PDB file of N, CA and C in Angstrom:
ATOM      1  N   MET A   1     -59.034 -46.309 -52.358  1.00  0.00           N
ATOM      2  CA  MET A   1     -58.834 -47.602 -52.934  1.00  0.00           C
ATOM      3  C   MET A   1     -58.737 -47.416 -54.441  1.00  0.00           C
ATOM      4  N   ALA A   2     -57.775 -48.057 -55.042  1.00  0.00           N
ATOM      5  CA  ALA A   2     -57.582 -47.919 -56.482  1.00  0.00           C
ATOM      6  C   ALA A   2     -57.260 -49.281 -57.073  1.00  0.00           C
ATOM      7  N   GLY A   3     -57.503 -49.411 -58.363  1.00  0.00           N
ATOM      8  CA  GLY A   3     -57.199 -50.662 -59.033  1.00  0.00           C
ATOM      9  C   GLY A   3     -57.442 -50.548 -60.519  1.00  0.00           C
ATOM     10  N   LYS A   4     -57.407 -51.696 -61.170  1.00  0.00           N
ATOM     11  CA  LYS A   4     -57.596 -51.755 -62.615  1.00  0.00           C
ATOM     12  C   LYS A   4     -58.542 -52.904 -62.938  1.00  0.00           C
ATOM     13  N   VAL A   5     -59.501 -52.633 -63.816  1.00  0.00           N
ATOM     14  CA  VAL A   5     -60.453 -53.657 -64.257  1.00  0.00           C
ATOM     15  C   VAL A   5     -60.031 -54.112 -65.646  1.00  0.00           C
ATOM     16  N   THR A   6     -59.879 -55.425 -65.788  1.00  0.00           N
ATOM     17  CA  THR A   6     -59.511 -56.002 -67.081  1.00  0.00           C
ATOM     18  C   THR A   6     -60.479 -57.121 -67.437  1.00  0.00           C
ATOM     19  N   ASN A   7     -60.534 -57.449 -68.731  1.00  0.00           N
ATOM     20  CA  ASN A   7     -61.364 -58.570 -69.159  1.00  0.00           C
ATOM     21  C   ASN A   7     -60.550 -59.859 -69.100  1.00  0.00           C
ATOM     22  N   GLU A   8     -61.127 -60.949 -69.557  1.00  0.00           N
ATOM     23  CA  GLU A   8     -60.460 -62.250 -69.466  1.00  0.00           C
ATOM     24  C   GLU A   8     -59.172 -62.325 -70.290  1.00  0.00           C
ATOM     25  N   ASN A   9     -59.001 -61.407 -71.252  1.00  0.00           N
ATOM     26  CA  ASN A   9     -57.775 -61.357 -72.058  1.00  0.00           C
ATOM     27  C   ASN A   9     -56.729 -60.413 -71.484  1.00  0.00           C
ATOM     28  N   GLY A  10     -57.071 -59.748 -70.364  1.00  0.00           N
ATOM     29  CA  GLY A  10     -56.147 -58.802 -69.754  1.00  0.00           C
ATOM     30  C   GLY A  10     -56.242 -57.392 -70.310  1.00  0.00           C
ATOM     31  N   ASP A  11     -57.236 -57.167 -71.189  1.00  0.00           N
ATOM     32  CA  ASP A  11     -57.430 -55.829 -71.751  1.00  0.00           C
ATOM     33  C   ASP A  11     -58.216 -54.959 -70.779  1.00  0.00           C
ATOM     34  N   PRO A  12     -57.886 -53.654 -70.679  1.00  0.00           N
ATOM     35  CA  PRO A  12     -58.608 -52.768 -69.768  1.00  0.00           C
ATOM     36  C   PRO A  12     -60.068 -52.611 -70.191  1.00  0.00           C
ATOM     37  N   VAL A  13     -60.936 -52.461 -69.189  1.00  0.00           N
ATOM     38  CA  VAL A  13     -62.363 -52.269 -69.431  1.00  0.00           C
ATOM     39  C   VAL A  13     -62.713 -50.822 -69.117  1.00  0.00           C
ATOM     40  N   LYS A  14     -63.114 -50.072 -70.136  1.00  0.00           N
ATOM     41  CA  LYS A  14     -63.497 -48.667 -69.991  1.00  0.00           C
ATOM     42  C   LYS A  14     -64.943 -48.564 -69.510  1.00  0.00           C
ATOM     43  N   ASP A  15     -65.208 -47.588 -68.654  1.00  0.00           N
ATOM     44  CA  ASP A  15     -66.554 -47.263 -68.160  1.00  0.00           C
ATOM     45  C   ASP A  15     -67.222 -48.388 -67.374  1.00  0.00           C
ATOM     46  N   ALA A  16     -66.443 -49.257 -66.744  1.00  0.00           N
ATOM     47  CA  ALA A  16     -67.014 -50.271 -65.855  1.00  0.00           C
ATOM     48  C   ALA A  16     -67.370 -49.596 -64.531  1.00  0.00           C
ATOM     49  N   MET A  17     -68.532 -49.938 -63.984  1.00  0.00           N
ATOM     50  CA  MET A  17     -68.912 -49.394 -62.686  1.00  0.00           C
ATOM     51  C   MET A  17     -68.282 -50.255 -61.594  1.00  0.00           C
ATOM     52  N   VAL A  18     -67.546 -49.607 -60.707  1.00  0.00           N
ATOM     53  CA  VAL A  18     -66.935 -50.266 -59.556  1.00  0.00           C
ATOM     54  C   VAL A  18     -67.609 -49.675 -58.322  1.00  0.00           C
ATOM     55  N   ALA A  19     -68.240 -50.530 -57.529  1.00  0.00           N
ATOM     56  CA  ALA A  19     -69.004 -50.062 -56.376  1.00  0.00           C
ATOM     57  C   ALA A  19     -68.574 -50.782 -55.108  1.00  0.00           C
ATOM     58  N   ILE A  20     -68.725 -50.093 -53.988  1.00  0.00           N
ATOM     59  CA  ILE A  20     -68.535 -50.740 -52.696  1.00  0.00           C
ATOM     60  C   ILE A  20     -69.753 -51.630 -52.486  1.00  0.00           C
ATOM     61  N   TYR A  21     -69.525 -52.936 -52.464  1.00  0.00           N
ATOM     62  CA  TYR A  21     -70.606 -53.914 -52.340  1.00  0.00           C
ATOM     63  C   TYR A  21     -70.912 -54.208 -50.883  1.00  0.00           C
ATOM     64  N   HIS A  22     -69.864 -54.286 -50.089  1.00  0.00           N
ATOM     65  CA  HIS A  22     -70.019 -54.666 -48.684  1.00  0.00           C
ATOM     66  C   HIS A  22     -68.825 -54.126 -47.908  1.00  0.00           C
ATOM     67  N   GLY A  23     -69.042 -53.849 -46.654  1.00  0.00           N
ATOM     68  CA  GLY A  23     -67.949 -53.449 -45.787  1.00  0.00           C
ATOM     69  C   GLY A  23     -68.155 -54.037 -44.409  1.00  0.00           C
ATOM     70  N   LYS A  24     -67.069 -54.280 -43.726  1.00  0.00           N
ATOM     71  CA  LYS A  24     -67.178 -54.758 -42.347  1.00  0.00           C
ATOM     72  C   LYS A  24     -66.050 -54.143 -41.541  1.00  0.00           C
ATOM     73  N   PRO A  25     -66.296 -53.925 -40.265  1.00  0.00           N
ATOM     74  CA  PRO A  25     -65.263 -53.340 -39.412  1.00  0.00           C
ATOM     75  C   PRO A  25     -64.032 -54.228 -39.335  1.00  0.00           C
ATOM     76  N   ARG A  26     -62.862 -53.594 -39.335  1.00  0.00           N
ATOM     77  CA  ARG A  26     -61.612 -54.344 -39.145  1.00  0.00           C
ATOM     78  C   ARG A  26     -61.544 -54.932 -37.741  1.00  0.00           C
ATOM     79  N   MET A  27     -62.090 -54.217 -36.795  1.00  0.00           N
ATOM     80  CA  MET A  27     -62.073 -54.654 -35.400  1.00  0.00           C
ATOM     81  C   MET A  27     -63.458 -55.180 -35.038  1.00  0.00           C
ATOM     82  N   GLU A  28     -63.525 -56.345 -34.445  1.00  0.00           N
ATOM     83  CA  GLU A  28     -64.797 -56.966 -34.087  1.00  0.00           C
ATOM     84  C   GLU A  28     -65.604 -56.134 -33.092  1.00  0.00           C
ATOM     85  N   SER A  29     -64.944 -55.263 -32.334  1.00  0.00           N
ATOM     86  CA  SER A  29     -65.641 -54.485 -31.307  1.00  0.00           C
ATOM     87  C   SER A  29     -66.471 -53.346 -31.887  1.00  0.00           C
ATOM     88  N   GLN A  30     -66.269 -52.993 -33.150  1.00  0.00           N
ATOM     89  CA  GLN A  30     -67.081 -51.929 -33.752  1.00  0.00           C
ATOM     90  C   GLN A  30     -68.481 -52.462 -33.997  1.00  0.00           C
ATOM     91  N   SER A  31     -69.496 -51.635 -33.735  1.00  0.00           N
ATOM     92  CA  SER A  31     -70.867 -52.123 -33.789  1.00  0.00           C
ATOM     93  C   SER A  31     -71.673 -51.596 -34.975  1.00  0.00           C
ATOM     94  N   THR A  32     -71.101 -50.801 -35.858  1.00  0.00           N
ATOM     95  CA  THR A  32     -71.847 -50.248 -36.982  1.00  0.00           C
ATOM     96  C   THR A  32     -72.256 -51.358 -37.942  1.00  0.00           C
ATOM     97  N   SER A  33     -73.518 -51.351 -38.335  1.00  0.00           N
ATOM     98  CA  SER A  33     -73.992 -52.336 -39.304  1.00  0.00           C
ATOM     99  C   SER A  33     -73.432 -52.011 -40.677  1.00  0.00           C
ATOM    100  N   PRO A  34     -72.886 -52.989 -41.418  1.00  0.00           N
ATOM    101  CA  PRO A  34     -72.285 -52.734 -42.731  1.00  0.00           C
ATOM    102  C   PRO A  34     -73.254 -52.118 -43.731  1.00  0.00           C
ATOM    103  N   ARG A  35     -74.533 -52.362 -43.584  1.00  0.00           N
ATOM    104  CA  ARG A  35     -75.504 -51.819 -44.540  1.00  0.00           C
ATOM    105  C   ARG A  35     -75.754 -50.330 -44.336  1.00  0.00           C
ATOM    106  N   PHE A  36     -75.349 -49.783 -43.219  1.00  0.00           N
ATOM    107  CA  PHE A  36     -75.713 -48.411 -42.907  1.00  0.00           C
ATOM    108  C   PHE A  36     -74.533 -47.448 -42.837  1.00  0.00           C
ATOM    109  N   PHE A  37     -73.358 -47.856 -43.219  1.00  0.00           N
ATOM    110  CA  PHE A  37     -72.263 -46.905 -43.160  1.00  0.00           C
ATOM    111  C   PHE A  37     -72.141 -46.176 -44.498  1.00  0.00           C
ATOM    112  N   ARG A  38     -71.606 -44.986 -44.468  1.00  0.00           N
ATOM    113  CA  ARG A  38     -71.660 -44.060 -45.602  1.00  0.00           C
ATOM    114  C   ARG A  38     -70.948 -44.543 -46.850  1.00  0.00           C
ATOM    115  N   ASP A  39     -69.937 -45.378 -46.728  1.00  0.00           N
ATOM    116  CA  ASP A  39     -69.159 -45.787 -47.891  1.00  0.00           C
ATOM    117  C   ASP A  39     -69.874 -46.806 -48.781  1.00  0.00           C
ATOM    118  N   CYS A  40     -70.940 -47.442 -48.299  1.00  0.00           N
ATOM    119  CA  CYS A  40     -71.664 -48.425 -49.119  1.00  0.00           C
ATOM    120  C   CYS A  40     -72.318 -47.785 -50.346  1.00  0.00           C
ATOM    121  N   ALA A  41     -72.512 -46.506 -50.362  1.00  0.00           N
ATOM    122  CA  ALA A  41     -73.158 -45.839 -51.486  1.00  0.00           C
ATOM    123  C   ALA A  41     -72.160 -45.360 -52.546  1.00  0.00           C
ATOM    124  N   LYS A  42     -70.878 -45.588 -52.345  1.00  0.00           N
ATOM    125  CA  LYS A  42     -69.872 -45.034 -53.261  1.00  0.00           C
ATOM    126  C   LYS A  42     -69.645 -45.933 -54.471  1.00  0.00           C
ATOM    127  N   TYR A  43     -69.493 -45.277 -55.623  1.00  0.00           N
ATOM    128  CA  TYR A  43     -69.140 -45.993 -56.848  1.00  0.00           C
ATOM    129  C   TYR A  43     -68.431 -45.036 -57.794  1.00  0.00           C
ATOM    130  N   VAL A  44     -67.673 -45.593 -58.727  1.00  0.00           N
ATOM    131  CA  VAL A  44     -66.969 -44.820 -59.752  1.00  0.00           C
ATOM    132  C   VAL A  44     -66.996 -45.615 -61.052  1.00  0.00           C
ATOM    133  N   LEU A  45     -66.640 -44.938 -62.147  1.00  0.00           N
ATOM    134  CA  LEU A  45     -66.460 -45.599 -63.432  1.00  0.00           C
ATOM    135  C   LEU A  45     -64.974 -45.641 -63.758  1.00  0.00           C
ATOM    136  N   THR A  46     -64.544 -46.707 -64.417  1.00  0.00           N
ATOM    137  CA  THR A  46     -63.149 -46.806 -64.811  1.00  0.00           C
ATOM    138  C   THR A  46     -62.861 -45.850 -65.962  1.00  0.00           C
ATOM    139  N   ASP A  47     -61.601 -45.449 -66.080  1.00  0.00           N
ATOM    140  CA  ASP A  47     -61.200 -44.579 -67.184  1.00  0.00           C
ATOM    141  C   ASP A  47     -60.878 -45.420 -68.422  1.00  0.00           C
ATOM    142  N   GLU A  48     -60.334 -44.812 -69.443  1.00  0.00           N
ATOM    143  CA  GLU A  48     -60.048 -45.503 -70.705  1.00  0.00           C
ATOM    144  C   GLU A  48     -58.999 -46.607 -70.555  1.00  0.00           C
ATOM    145  N   ASN A  49     -58.252 -46.566 -69.439  1.00  0.00           N
ATOM    146  CA  ASN A  49     -57.242 -47.592 -69.169  1.00  0.00           C
ATOM    147  C   ASN A  49     -57.715 -48.631 -68.150  1.00  0.00           C
ATOM    148  N   GLY A  50     -58.995 -48.581 -67.788  1.00  0.00           N
ATOM    149  CA  GLY A  50     -59.546 -49.518 -66.816  1.00  0.00           C
ATOM    150  C   GLY A  50     -59.237 -49.170 -65.378  1.00  0.00           C
ATOM    151  N   ILE A  51     -58.651 -47.994 -65.146  1.00  0.00           N
ATOM    152  CA  ILE A  51     -58.230 -47.583 -63.801  1.00  0.00           C
ATOM    153  C   ILE A  51     -59.403 -46.942 -63.049  1.00  0.00           C
ATOM    154  N   PHE A  52     -59.505 -47.255 -61.757  1.00  0.00           N
ATOM    155  CA  PHE A  52     -60.509 -46.610 -60.908  1.00  0.00           C
ATOM    156  C   PHE A  52     -59.866 -46.189 -59.599  1.00  0.00           C
ATOM    157  N   GLN A  53     -60.493 -45.222 -58.958  1.00  0.00           N
ATOM    158  CA  GLN A  53     -60.078 -44.796 -57.625  1.00  0.00           C
ATOM    159  C   GLN A  53     -61.317 -44.345 -56.868  1.00  0.00           C
ATOM    160  N   ILE A  54     -61.540 -44.947 -55.709  1.00  0.00           N
ATOM    161  CA  ILE A  54     -62.626 -44.548 -54.816  1.00  0.00           C
ATOM    162  C   ILE A  54     -61.959 -43.865 -53.639  1.00  0.00           C
ATOM    163  N   GLU A  55     -62.293 -42.609 -53.443  1.00  0.00           N
ATOM    164  CA  GLU A  55     -61.606 -41.793 -52.441  1.00  0.00           C
ATOM    165  C   GLU A  55     -62.389 -41.683 -51.139  1.00  0.00           C
ATOM    166  N   ASP A  56     -61.679 -41.264 -50.119  1.00  0.00           N
ATOM    167  CA  ASP A  56     -62.247 -40.944 -48.807  1.00  0.00           C
ATOM    168  C   ASP A  56     -62.989 -42.112 -48.169  1.00  0.00           C
ATOM    169  N   LEU A  57     -62.424 -43.315 -48.256  1.00  0.00           N
ATOM    170  CA  LEU A  57     -63.014 -44.469 -47.586  1.00  0.00           C
ATOM    171  C   LEU A  57     -62.578 -44.504 -46.129  1.00  0.00           C
ATOM    172  N   ASP A  58     -63.463 -44.967 -45.286  1.00  0.00           N
ATOM    173  CA  ASP A  58     -63.169 -45.112 -43.871  1.00  0.00           C
ATOM    174  C   ASP A  58     -62.131 -46.224 -43.704  1.00  0.00           C
ATOM    175  N   PRO A  59     -60.926 -45.921 -43.209  1.00  0.00           N
ATOM    176  CA  PRO A  59     -59.870 -46.927 -43.103  1.00  0.00           C
ATOM    177  C   PRO A  59     -60.121 -47.983 -42.024  1.00  0.00           C
ATOM    178  N   SER A  60     -61.150 -47.807 -41.205  1.00  0.00           N
ATOM    179  CA  SER A  60     -61.433 -48.789 -40.160  1.00  0.00           C
ATOM    180  C   SER A  60     -62.298 -49.948 -40.685  1.00  0.00           C
ATOM    181  N   TYR A  61     -62.594 -49.948 -41.996  1.00  0.00           N
ATOM    182  CA  TYR A  61     -63.404 -51.003 -42.599  1.00  0.00           C
ATOM    183  C   TYR A  61     -62.615 -51.783 -43.646  1.00  0.00           C
ATOM    184  N   LEU A  62     -63.018 -53.032 -43.859  1.00  0.00           N
ATOM    185  CA  LEU A  62     -62.556 -53.850 -44.981  1.00  0.00           C
ATOM    186  C   LEU A  62     -63.684 -53.833 -46.007  1.00  0.00           C
ATOM    187  N   TYR A  63     -63.347 -53.793 -47.284  1.00  0.00           N
ATOM    188  CA  TYR A  63     -64.354 -53.612 -48.324  1.00  0.00           C
ATOM    189  C   TYR A  63     -64.352 -54.739 -49.340  1.00  0.00           C
ATOM    190  N   GLN A  64     -65.538 -55.030 -49.870  1.00  0.00           N
ATOM    191  CA  GLN A  64     -65.691 -55.895 -51.049  1.00  0.00           C
ATOM    192  C   GLN A  64     -66.242 -55.021 -52.151  1.00  0.00           C
ATOM    193  N   LEU A  65     -65.705 -55.218 -53.352  1.00  0.00           N
ATOM    194  CA  LEU A  65     -66.142 -54.432 -54.490  1.00  0.00           C
ATOM    195  C   LEU A  65     -66.967 -55.272 -55.444  1.00  0.00           C
ATOM    196  N   SER A  66     -67.804 -54.590 -56.205  1.00  0.00           N
ATOM    197  CA  SER A  66     -68.567 -55.209 -57.278  1.00  0.00           C
ATOM    198  C   SER A  66     -68.263 -54.452 -58.554  1.00  0.00           C
ATOM    199  N   VAL A  67     -68.027 -55.180 -59.654  1.00  0.00           N
ATOM    200  CA  VAL A  67     -67.744 -54.546 -60.947  1.00  0.00           C
ATOM    201  C   VAL A  67     -68.829 -54.940 -61.923  1.00  0.00           C
TER     202      VAL A  67
END
């Protein structure tokens, strides 16, 4: 997952922490609790251009981020 963090003026935000806040299975039949899957512990800092990339996420989940 990748993106860009900007402030209210559209300027990039350097060194912002972007974390996986919550995740849920894409398919309702999956039974893993969102609090206990491995990707909930992942976070990164944005670069000088506000860009971030969180790698190796489980594609069977939908994610919410916190900045």
